[in-house]
Amino acid sequence: MPKQKSHRGLLKRIKLTKTGKVRFKAPNSRHIKSNKTGEQVQSYRKSRYARSGDLRYLKKLLNRGLRSEERSVADEKAREAAKAAK
């Protein structure tokens, strides 16, 4: 039985954080910036995180479990609430 391999093209375009979130660079940020506003160009500099809707196909391509930014924020709020309740 052959090994399950991660999609190499996808791995070159994303970075997996320690917590399992998927970080990537914004699309349309490489060139042809003259017709974009300064606010748009500035926003392209920030890294983006994969949303929960994208994770279904990313999990299939990478053969591993992943977390969305929304899930991470929700978990963090739950931990803070539990800590405050103690």
PDB file of N, CA and C in Angstrom:
ATOM      1  N   MET A   1       0.841  -1.182   0.000  1.00  0.00           N
ATOM      2  CA  MET A   1       0.000   0.000   0.000  1.00  0.00           C
ATOM      3  C   MET A   1       0.892   1.254   0.000  1.00  0.00           C
ATOM      4  N   PRO A   2       0.689   2.167  -0.960  1.00  0.00           N
ATOM      5  CA  PRO A   2       1.542   3.367  -1.003  1.00  0.00           C
ATOM      6  C   PRO A   2       1.240   4.317   0.158  1.00  0.00           C
ATOM      7  N   LYS A   3       2.238   5.138   0.478  1.00  0.00           N
ATOM      8  CA  LYS A   3       2.080   6.096   1.569  1.00  0.00           C
ATOM      9  C   LYS A   3       1.135   7.225   1.155  1.00  0.00           C
ATOM     10  N   GLN A   4       0.448   7.800   2.134  1.00  0.00           N
ATOM     11  CA  GLN A   4      -0.354   8.991   1.902  1.00  0.00           C
ATOM     12  C   GLN A   4       0.597  10.187   1.939  1.00  0.00           C
ATOM     13  N   LYS A   5       0.625  10.970   0.888  1.00  0.00           N
ATOM     14  CA  LYS A   5       1.549  12.092   0.816  1.00  0.00           C
ATOM     15  C   LYS A   5       0.786  13.407   0.781  1.00  0.00           C
ATOM     16  N   SER A   6       1.387  14.421   1.377  1.00  0.00           N
ATOM     17  CA  SER A   6       0.812  15.760   1.353  1.00  0.00           C
ATOM     18  C   SER A   6       0.985  16.354  -0.037  1.00  0.00           C
ATOM     19  N   HIS A   7       0.091  17.240  -0.412  1.00  0.00           N
ATOM     20  CA  HIS A   7       0.139  17.903  -1.708  1.00  0.00           C
ATOM     21  C   HIS A   7       1.295  18.900  -1.707  1.00  0.00           C
ATOM     22  N   ARG A   8       2.332  18.614  -2.487  1.00  0.00           N
ATOM     23  CA  ARG A   8       3.560  19.405  -2.436  1.00  0.00           C
ATOM     24  C   ARG A   8       3.346  20.839  -2.926  1.00  0.00           C
ATOM     25  N   GLY A   9       2.496  21.026  -3.915  1.00  0.00           N
ATOM     26  CA  GLY A   9       2.243  22.382  -4.414  1.00  0.00           C
ATOM     27  C   GLY A   9       1.576  23.245  -3.372  1.00  0.00           C
ATOM     28  N   LEU A  10       0.669  22.656  -2.600  1.00  0.00           N
ATOM     29  CA  LEU A  10      -0.008  23.400  -1.540  1.00  0.00           C
ATOM     30  C   LEU A  10       0.956  23.730  -0.411  1.00  0.00           C
ATOM     31  N   LEU A  11       1.826  22.789  -0.067  1.00  0.00           N
ATOM     32  CA  LEU A  11       2.780  23.031   1.014  1.00  0.00           C
ATOM     33  C   LEU A  11       3.751  24.162   0.694  1.00  0.00           C
ATOM     34  N   LYS A  12       3.994  24.424  -0.591  1.00  0.00           N
ATOM     35  CA  LYS A  12       4.881  25.518  -0.974  1.00  0.00           C
ATOM     36  C   LYS A  12       4.197  26.873  -0.832  1.00  0.00           C
ATOM     37  N   ARG A  13       2.875  26.890  -0.761  1.00  0.00           N
ATOM     38  CA  ARG A  13       2.119  28.137  -0.732  1.00  0.00           C
ATOM     39  C   ARG A  13       1.573  28.499   0.643  1.00  0.00           C
ATOM     40  N   ILE A  14       1.641  27.571   1.587  1.00  0.00           N
ATOM     41  CA  ILE A  14       1.087  27.823   2.919  1.00  0.00           C
ATOM     42  C   ILE A  14       2.122  27.503   3.985  1.00  0.00           C
ATOM     43  N   LYS A  15       1.821  27.930   5.197  1.00  0.00           N
ATOM     44  CA  LYS A  15       2.634  27.542   6.352  1.00  0.00           C
ATOM     45  C   LYS A  15       1.669  27.046   7.415  1.00  0.00           C
ATOM     46  N   LEU A  16       1.977  25.899   7.992  1.00  0.00           N
ATOM     47  CA  LEU A  16       1.160  25.354   9.064  1.00  0.00           C
ATOM     48  C   LEU A  16       1.757  25.810  10.387  1.00  0.00           C
ATOM     49  N   THR A  17       0.934  26.441  11.219  1.00  0.00           N
ATOM     50  CA  THR A  17       1.408  26.900  12.514  1.00  0.00           C
ATOM     51  C   THR A  17       1.451  25.728  13.482  1.00  0.00           C
ATOM     52  N   LYS A  18       2.044  25.978  14.641  1.00  0.00           N
ATOM     53  CA  LYS A  18       2.178  24.931  15.643  1.00  0.00           C
ATOM     54  C   LYS A  18       0.818  24.434  16.116  1.00  0.00           C
ATOM     55  N   THR A  19      -0.172  25.321  16.169  1.00  0.00           N
ATOM     56  CA  THR A  19      -1.504  24.941  16.642  1.00  0.00           C
ATOM     57  C   THR A  19      -2.355  24.307  15.554  1.00  0.00           C
ATOM     58  N   GLY A  20      -1.839  24.227  14.313  1.00  0.00           N
ATOM     59  CA  GLY A  20      -2.575  23.573  13.241  1.00  0.00           C
ATOM     60  C   GLY A  20      -3.337  24.518  12.337  1.00  0.00           C
ATOM     61  N   LYS A  21      -3.153  25.831  12.521  1.00  0.00           N
ATOM     62  CA  LYS A  21      -3.797  26.790  11.635  1.00  0.00           C
ATOM     63  C   LYS A  21      -3.016  26.883  10.330  1.00  0.00           C
ATOM     64  N   VAL A  22      -3.704  27.295   9.260  1.00  0.00           N
ATOM     65  CA  VAL A  22      -3.083  27.410   7.946  1.00  0.00           C
ATOM     66  C   VAL A  22      -2.898  28.892   7.635  1.00  0.00           C
ATOM     67  N   ARG A  23      -1.644  29.314   7.464  1.00  0.00           N
ATOM     68  CA  ARG A  23      -1.337  30.711   7.165  1.00  0.00           C
ATOM     69  C   ARG A  23      -0.893  30.808   5.719  1.00  0.00           C
ATOM     70  N   PHE A  24      -1.344  31.858   5.015  1.00  0.00           N
ATOM     71  CA  PHE A  24      -0.965  32.028   3.622  1.00  0.00           C
ATOM     72  C   PHE A  24      -0.910  33.513   3.283  1.00  0.00           C
ATOM     73  N   LYS A  25      -0.317  33.837   2.164  1.00  0.00           N
ATOM     74  CA  LYS A  25      -0.210  35.218   1.708  1.00  0.00           C
ATOM     75  C   LYS A  25      -1.451  35.569   0.898  1.00  0.00           C
ATOM     76  N   ALA A  26      -1.843  36.837   0.976  1.00  0.00           N
ATOM     77  CA  ALA A  26      -3.054  37.296   0.297  1.00  0.00           C
ATOM     78  C   ALA A  26      -2.914  37.181  -1.219  1.00  0.00           C
ATOM     79  N   PRO A  27      -3.976  36.756  -1.911  1.00  0.00           N
ATOM     80  CA  PRO A  27      -3.927  36.718  -3.365  1.00  0.00           C
ATOM     81  C   PRO A  27      -3.972  38.132  -3.952  1.00  0.00           C
ATOM     82  N   ASN A  28      -3.579  38.298  -5.196  1.00  0.00           N
ATOM     83  CA  ASN A  28      -3.564  39.575  -5.920  1.00  0.00           C
ATOM     84  C   ASN A  28      -2.588  40.575  -5.327  1.00  0.00           C
ATOM     85  N   SER A  29      -1.575  40.112  -4.599  1.00  0.00           N
ATOM     86  CA  SER A  29      -0.674  41.027  -3.917  1.00  0.00           C
ATOM     87  C   SER A  29       0.687  41.147  -4.596  1.00  0.00           C
ATOM     88  N   ARG A  30       0.911  40.480  -5.693  1.00  0.00           N
ATOM     89  CA  ARG A  30       2.247  40.402  -6.277  1.00  0.00           C
ATOM     90  C   ARG A  30       2.592  41.591  -7.184  1.00  0.00           C
ATOM     91  N   HIS A  31       1.712  41.925  -8.108  1.00  0.00           N
ATOM     92  CA  HIS A  31       2.030  42.983  -9.067  1.00  0.00           C
ATOM     93  C   HIS A  31       0.741  43.668  -9.506  1.00  0.00           C
ATOM     94  N   ILE A  32       0.866  44.641 -10.407  1.00  0.00           N
ATOM     95  CA  ILE A  32      -0.251  45.471 -10.872  1.00  0.00           C
ATOM     96  C   ILE A  32      -0.944  46.123  -9.673  1.00  0.00           C
ATOM     97  N   LYS A  33      -0.165  46.898  -8.931  1.00  0.00           N
ATOM     98  CA  LYS A  33      -0.710  47.575  -7.748  1.00  0.00           C
ATOM     99  C   LYS A  33      -1.094  49.020  -8.037  1.00  0.00           C
ATOM    100  N   SER A  34      -0.830  49.494  -9.245  1.00  0.00           N
ATOM    101  CA  SER A  34      -1.083  50.906  -9.549  1.00  0.00           C
ATOM    102  C   SER A  34      -2.570  51.248  -9.555  1.00  0.00           C
ATOM    103  N   ASN A  35      -3.418  50.271  -9.842  1.00  0.00           N
ATOM    104  CA  ASN A  35      -4.854  50.553  -9.871  1.00  0.00           C
ATOM    105  C   ASN A  35      -5.537  50.170  -8.559  1.00  0.00           C
ATOM    106  N   LYS A  36      -4.740  49.881  -7.514  1.00  0.00           N
ATOM    107  CA  LYS A  36      -5.295  49.533  -6.209  1.00  0.00           C
ATOM    108  C   LYS A  36      -5.039  50.680  -5.249  1.00  0.00           C
ATOM    109  N   THR A  37      -5.914  50.829  -4.260  1.00  0.00           N
ATOM    110  CA  THR A  37      -5.744  51.888  -3.271  1.00  0.00           C
ATOM    111  C   THR A  37      -4.609  51.520  -2.313  1.00  0.00           C
ATOM    112  N   GLY A  38      -4.083  52.525  -1.628  1.00  0.00           N
ATOM    113  CA  GLY A  38      -3.016  52.285  -0.667  1.00  0.00           C
ATOM    114  C   GLY A  38      -3.473  51.384   0.458  1.00  0.00           C
ATOM    115  N   GLU A  39      -4.743  51.521   0.830  1.00  0.00           N
ATOM    116  CA  GLU A  39      -5.298  50.679   1.899  1.00  0.00           C
ATOM    117  C   GLU A  39      -5.300  49.206   1.481  1.00  0.00           C
ATOM    118  N   GLN A  40      -5.643  48.954   0.225  1.00  0.00           N
ATOM    119  CA  GLN A  40      -5.625  47.581  -0.282  1.00  0.00           C
ATOM    120  C   GLN A  40      -4.208  47.024  -0.269  1.00  0.00           C
ATOM    121  N   VAL A  41      -3.254  47.808  -0.748  1.00  0.00           N
ATOM    122  CA  VAL A  41      -1.870  47.358  -0.832  1.00  0.00           C
ATOM    123  C   VAL A  41      -1.326  47.065   0.566  1.00  0.00           C
ATOM    124  N   GLN A  42      -1.654  47.904   1.548  1.00  0.00           N
ATOM    125  CA  GLN A  42      -1.197  47.679   2.923  1.00  0.00           C
ATOM    126  C   GLN A  42      -1.782  46.395   3.486  1.00  0.00           C
ATOM    127  N   SER A  43      -3.045  46.128   3.154  1.00  0.00           N
ATOM    128  CA  SER A  43      -3.675  44.921   3.693  1.00  0.00           C
ATOM    129  C   SER A  43      -3.066  43.649   3.110  1.00  0.00           C
ATOM    130  N   TYR A  44      -2.473  43.750   1.920  1.00  0.00           N
ATOM    131  CA  TYR A  44      -1.834  42.578   1.309  1.00  0.00           C
ATOM    132  C   TYR A  44      -0.592  42.133   2.073  1.00  0.00           C
ATOM    133  N   ARG A  45       0.024  43.031   2.857  1.00  0.00           N
ATOM    134  CA  ARG A  45       1.259  42.694   3.573  1.00  0.00           C
ATOM    135  C   ARG A  45       1.013  41.722   4.713  1.00  0.00           C
ATOM    136  N   LYS A  46      -0.179  41.702   5.241  1.00  0.00           N
ATOM    137  CA  LYS A  46      -0.496  40.830   6.371  1.00  0.00           C
ATOM    138  C   LYS A  46      -0.729  39.403   5.888  1.00  0.00           C
ATOM    139  N   SER A  47      -0.349  38.461   6.736  1.00  0.00           N
ATOM    140  CA  SER A  47      -0.658  37.069   6.427  1.00  0.00           C
ATOM    141  C   SER A  47      -2.118  36.802   6.722  1.00  0.00           C
ATOM    142  N   ARG A  48      -2.698  35.883   6.018  1.00  0.00           N
ATOM    143  CA  ARG A  48      -4.094  35.518   6.230  1.00  0.00           C
ATOM    144  C   ARG A  48      -4.140  34.109   6.800  1.00  0.00           C
ATOM    145  N   TYR A  49      -5.252  33.784   7.438  1.00  0.00           N
ATOM    146  CA  TYR A  49      -5.456  32.435   7.971  1.00  0.00           C
ATOM    147  C   TYR A  49      -6.652  31.810   7.275  1.00  0.00           C
ATOM    148  N   ALA A  50      -6.573  30.511   7.049  1.00  0.00           N
ATOM    149  CA  ALA A  50      -7.651  29.799   6.364  1.00  0.00           C
ATOM    150  C   ALA A  50      -8.907  29.818   7.228  1.00  0.00           C
ATOM    151  N   ARG A  51     -10.036  30.016   6.607  1.00  0.00           N
ATOM    152  CA  ARG A  51     -11.318  30.051   7.286  1.00  0.00           C
ATOM    153  C   ARG A  51     -11.877  28.627   7.344  1.00  0.00           C
ATOM    154  N   SER A  52     -12.914  28.472   8.132  1.00  0.00           N
ATOM    155  CA  SER A  52     -13.457  27.128   8.352  1.00  0.00           C
ATOM    156  C   SER A  52     -14.004  26.509   7.066  1.00  0.00           C
ATOM    157  N   GLY A  53     -14.523  27.312   6.142  1.00  0.00           N
ATOM    158  CA  GLY A  53     -15.063  26.784   4.901  1.00  0.00           C
ATOM    159  C   GLY A  53     -14.009  26.204   3.978  1.00  0.00           C
ATOM    160  N   ASP A  54     -12.770  26.686   4.097  1.00  0.00           N
ATOM    161  CA  ASP A  54     -11.688  26.211   3.233  1.00  0.00           C
ATOM    162  C   ASP A  54     -11.042  24.931   3.749  1.00  0.00           C
ATOM    163  N   LEU A  55     -11.227  24.643   5.025  1.00  0.00           N
ATOM    164  CA  LEU A  55     -10.480  23.553   5.637  1.00  0.00           C
ATOM    165  C   LEU A  55     -10.866  22.173   5.131  1.00  0.00           C
ATOM    166  N   ARG A  56     -12.078  22.018   4.618  1.00  0.00           N
ATOM    167  CA  ARG A  56     -12.511  20.690   4.167  1.00  0.00           C
ATOM    168  C   ARG A  56     -11.599  20.174   3.061  1.00  0.00           C
ATOM    169  N   TYR A  57     -11.331  21.001   2.053  1.00  0.00           N
ATOM    170  CA  TYR A  57     -10.475  20.526   0.964  1.00  0.00           C
ATOM    171  C   TYR A  57      -9.000  20.592   1.343  1.00  0.00           C
ATOM    172  N   LEU A  58      -8.604  21.496   2.249  1.00  0.00           N
ATOM    173  CA  LEU A  58      -7.206  21.536   2.676  1.00  0.00           C
ATOM    174  C   LEU A  58      -6.843  20.285   3.470  1.00  0.00           C
ATOM    175  N   LYS A  59      -7.771  19.794   4.292  1.00  0.00           N
ATOM    176  CA  LYS A  59      -7.525  18.570   5.056  1.00  0.00           C
ATOM    177  C   LYS A  59      -7.292  17.389   4.120  1.00  0.00           C
ATOM    178  N   LYS A  60      -8.067  17.337   3.039  1.00  0.00           N
ATOM    179  CA  LYS A  60      -7.915  16.246   2.086  1.00  0.00           C
ATOM    180  C   LYS A  60      -6.555  16.299   1.387  1.00  0.00           C
ATOM    181  N   LEU A  61      -6.138  17.514   0.998  1.00  0.00           N
ATOM    182  CA  LEU A  61      -4.874  17.648   0.288  1.00  0.00           C
ATOM    183  C   LEU A  61      -3.661  17.381   1.183  1.00  0.00           C
ATOM    184  N   LEU A  62      -3.792  17.711   2.479  1.00  0.00           N
ATOM    185  CA  LEU A  62      -2.655  17.564   3.383  1.00  0.00           C
ATOM    186  C   LEU A  62      -2.688  16.279   4.199  1.00  0.00           C
ATOM    187  N   ASN A  63      -3.814  15.572   4.185  1.00  0.00           N
ATOM    188  CA  ASN A  63      -3.974  14.329   4.941  1.00  0.00           C
ATOM    189  C   ASN A  63      -3.700  14.520   6.429  1.00  0.00           C
ATOM    190  N   ARG A  64      -4.241  15.578   7.001  1.00  0.00           N
ATOM    191  CA  ARG A  64      -4.088  15.821   8.436  1.00  0.00           C
ATOM    192  C   ARG A  64      -5.168  16.769   8.928  1.00  0.00           C
ATOM    193  N   GLY A  65      -5.385  16.787  10.227  1.00  0.00           N
ATOM    194  CA  GLY A  65      -6.373  17.666  10.819  1.00  0.00           C
ATOM    195  C   GLY A  65      -5.858  19.092  10.917  1.00  0.00           C
ATOM    196  N   LEU A  66      -6.739  20.056  10.742  1.00  0.00           N
ATOM    197  CA  LEU A  66      -6.369  21.464  10.773  1.00  0.00           C
ATOM    198  C   LEU A  66      -7.374  22.236  11.620  1.00  0.00           C
ATOM    199  N   ARG A  67      -7.002  23.464  11.996  1.00  0.00           N
ATOM    200  CA  ARG A  67      -7.892  24.320  12.778  1.00  0.00           C
ATOM    201  C   ARG A  67      -8.091  25.626  12.039  1.00  0.00           C
ATOM    202  N   SER A  68      -9.290  26.167  12.100  1.00  0.00           N
ATOM    203  CA  SER A  68      -9.557  27.459  11.501  1.00  0.00           C
ATOM    204  C   SER A  68      -9.278  28.554  12.510  1.00  0.00           C
ATOM    205  N   GLU A  69      -9.189  29.786  12.038  1.00  0.00           N
ATOM    206  CA  GLU A  69      -8.965  30.918  12.934  1.00  0.00           C
ATOM    207  C   GLU A  69     -10.160  31.089  13.866  1.00  0.00           C
ATOM    208  N   GLU A  70     -11.379  30.871  13.337  1.00  0.00           N
ATOM    209  CA  GLU A  70     -12.582  31.003  14.165  1.00  0.00           C
ATOM    210  C   GLU A  70     -12.571  29.999  15.315  1.00  0.00           C
ATOM    211  N   ARG A  71     -12.167  28.762  15.018  1.00  0.00           N
ATOM    212  CA  ARG A  71     -12.122  27.726  16.046  1.00  0.00           C
ATOM    213  C   ARG A  71     -11.098  28.068  17.123  1.00  0.00           C
ATOM    214  N   SER A  72      -9.950  28.602  16.703  1.00  0.00           N
ATOM    215  CA  SER A  72      -8.909  28.977  17.656  1.00  0.00           C
ATOM    216  C   SER A  72      -9.380  30.092  18.570  1.00  0.00           C
ATOM    217  N   VAL A  73     -10.055  31.090  18.012  1.00  0.00           N
ATOM    218  CA  VAL A  73     -10.569  32.207  18.811  1.00  0.00           C
ATOM    219  C   VAL A  73     -11.633  31.714  19.784  1.00  0.00           C
ATOM    220  N   ALA A  74     -12.521  30.844  19.322  1.00  0.00           N
ATOM    221  CA  ALA A  74     -13.576  30.304  20.184  1.00  0.00           C
ATOM    222  C   ALA A  74     -12.979  29.494  21.332  1.00  0.00           C
ATOM    223  N   ASP A  75     -11.962  28.687  21.042  1.00  0.00           N
ATOM    224  CA  ASP A  75     -11.305  27.898  22.089  1.00  0.00           C
ATOM    225  C   ASP A  75     -10.620  28.793  23.111  1.00  0.00           C
ATOM    226  N   GLU A  76      -9.997  29.860  22.630  1.00  0.00           N
ATOM    227  CA  GLU A  76      -9.315  30.783  23.536  1.00  0.00           C
ATOM    228  C   GLU A  76     -10.305  31.486  24.462  1.00  0.00           C
ATOM    229  N   LYS A  77     -11.449  31.899  23.914  1.00  0.00           N
ATOM    230  CA  LYS A  77     -12.491  32.531  24.735  1.00  0.00           C
ATOM    231  C   LYS A  77     -13.040  31.558  25.770  1.00  0.00           C
ATOM    232  N   ALA A  78     -13.196  30.298  25.389  1.00  0.00           N
ATOM    233  CA  ALA A  78     -13.692  29.287  26.324  1.00  0.00           C
ATOM    234  C   ALA A  78     -12.695  29.065  27.456  1.00  0.00           C
ATOM    235  N   ARG A  79     -11.389  29.060  27.118  1.00  0.00           N
ATOM    236  CA  ARG A  79     -10.365  28.898  28.165  1.00  0.00           C
ATOM    237  C   ARG A  79     -10.375  30.070  29.137  1.00  0.00           C
ATOM    238  N   GLU A  80     -10.530  31.303  28.597  1.00  0.00           N
ATOM    239  CA  GLU A  80     -10.573  32.497  29.451  1.00  0.00           C
ATOM    240  C   GLU A  80     -11.797  32.477  30.357  1.00  0.00           C
ATOM    241  N   ALA A  81     -12.940  32.034  29.807  1.00  0.00           N
ATOM    242  CA  ALA A  81     -14.162  31.956  30.611  1.00  0.00           C
ATOM    243  C   ALA A  81     -14.023  30.936  31.717  1.00  0.00           C
ATOM    244  N   ALA A  82     -13.391  29.811  31.410  1.00  0.00           N
ATOM    245  CA  ALA A  82     -13.187  28.772  32.427  1.00  0.00           C
ATOM    246  C   ALA A  82     -12.236  29.256  33.511  1.00  0.00           C
ATOM    247  N   LYS A  83     -11.226  30.010  33.098  1.00  0.00           N
ATOM    248  CA  LYS A  83     -10.257  30.540  34.047  1.00  0.00           C
ATOM    249  C   LYS A  83     -10.923  31.585  34.963  1.00  0.00           C
ATOM    250  N   ALA A  84     -11.808  32.407  34.377  1.00  0.00           N
ATOM    251  CA  ALA A  84     -12.511  33.437  35.151  1.00  0.00           C
ATOM    252  C   ALA A  84     -13.530  32.802  36.109  1.00  0.00           C
ATOM    253  N   ALA A  85     -14.081  31.667  35.755  1.00  0.00           N
ATOM    254  CA  ALA A  85     -15.086  30.992  36.599  1.00  0.00           C
ATOM    255  C   ALA A  85     -14.447  30.374  37.840  1.00  0.00           C
ATOM    256  N   LYS A  86     -13.155  30.065  37.783  1.00  0.00           N
ATOM    257  CA  LYS A  86     -12.475  29.444  38.928  1.00  0.00           C
ATOM    258  C   LYS A  86     -12.229  30.407  40.031  1.00  0.00           C
TER     259      LYS A  86
END
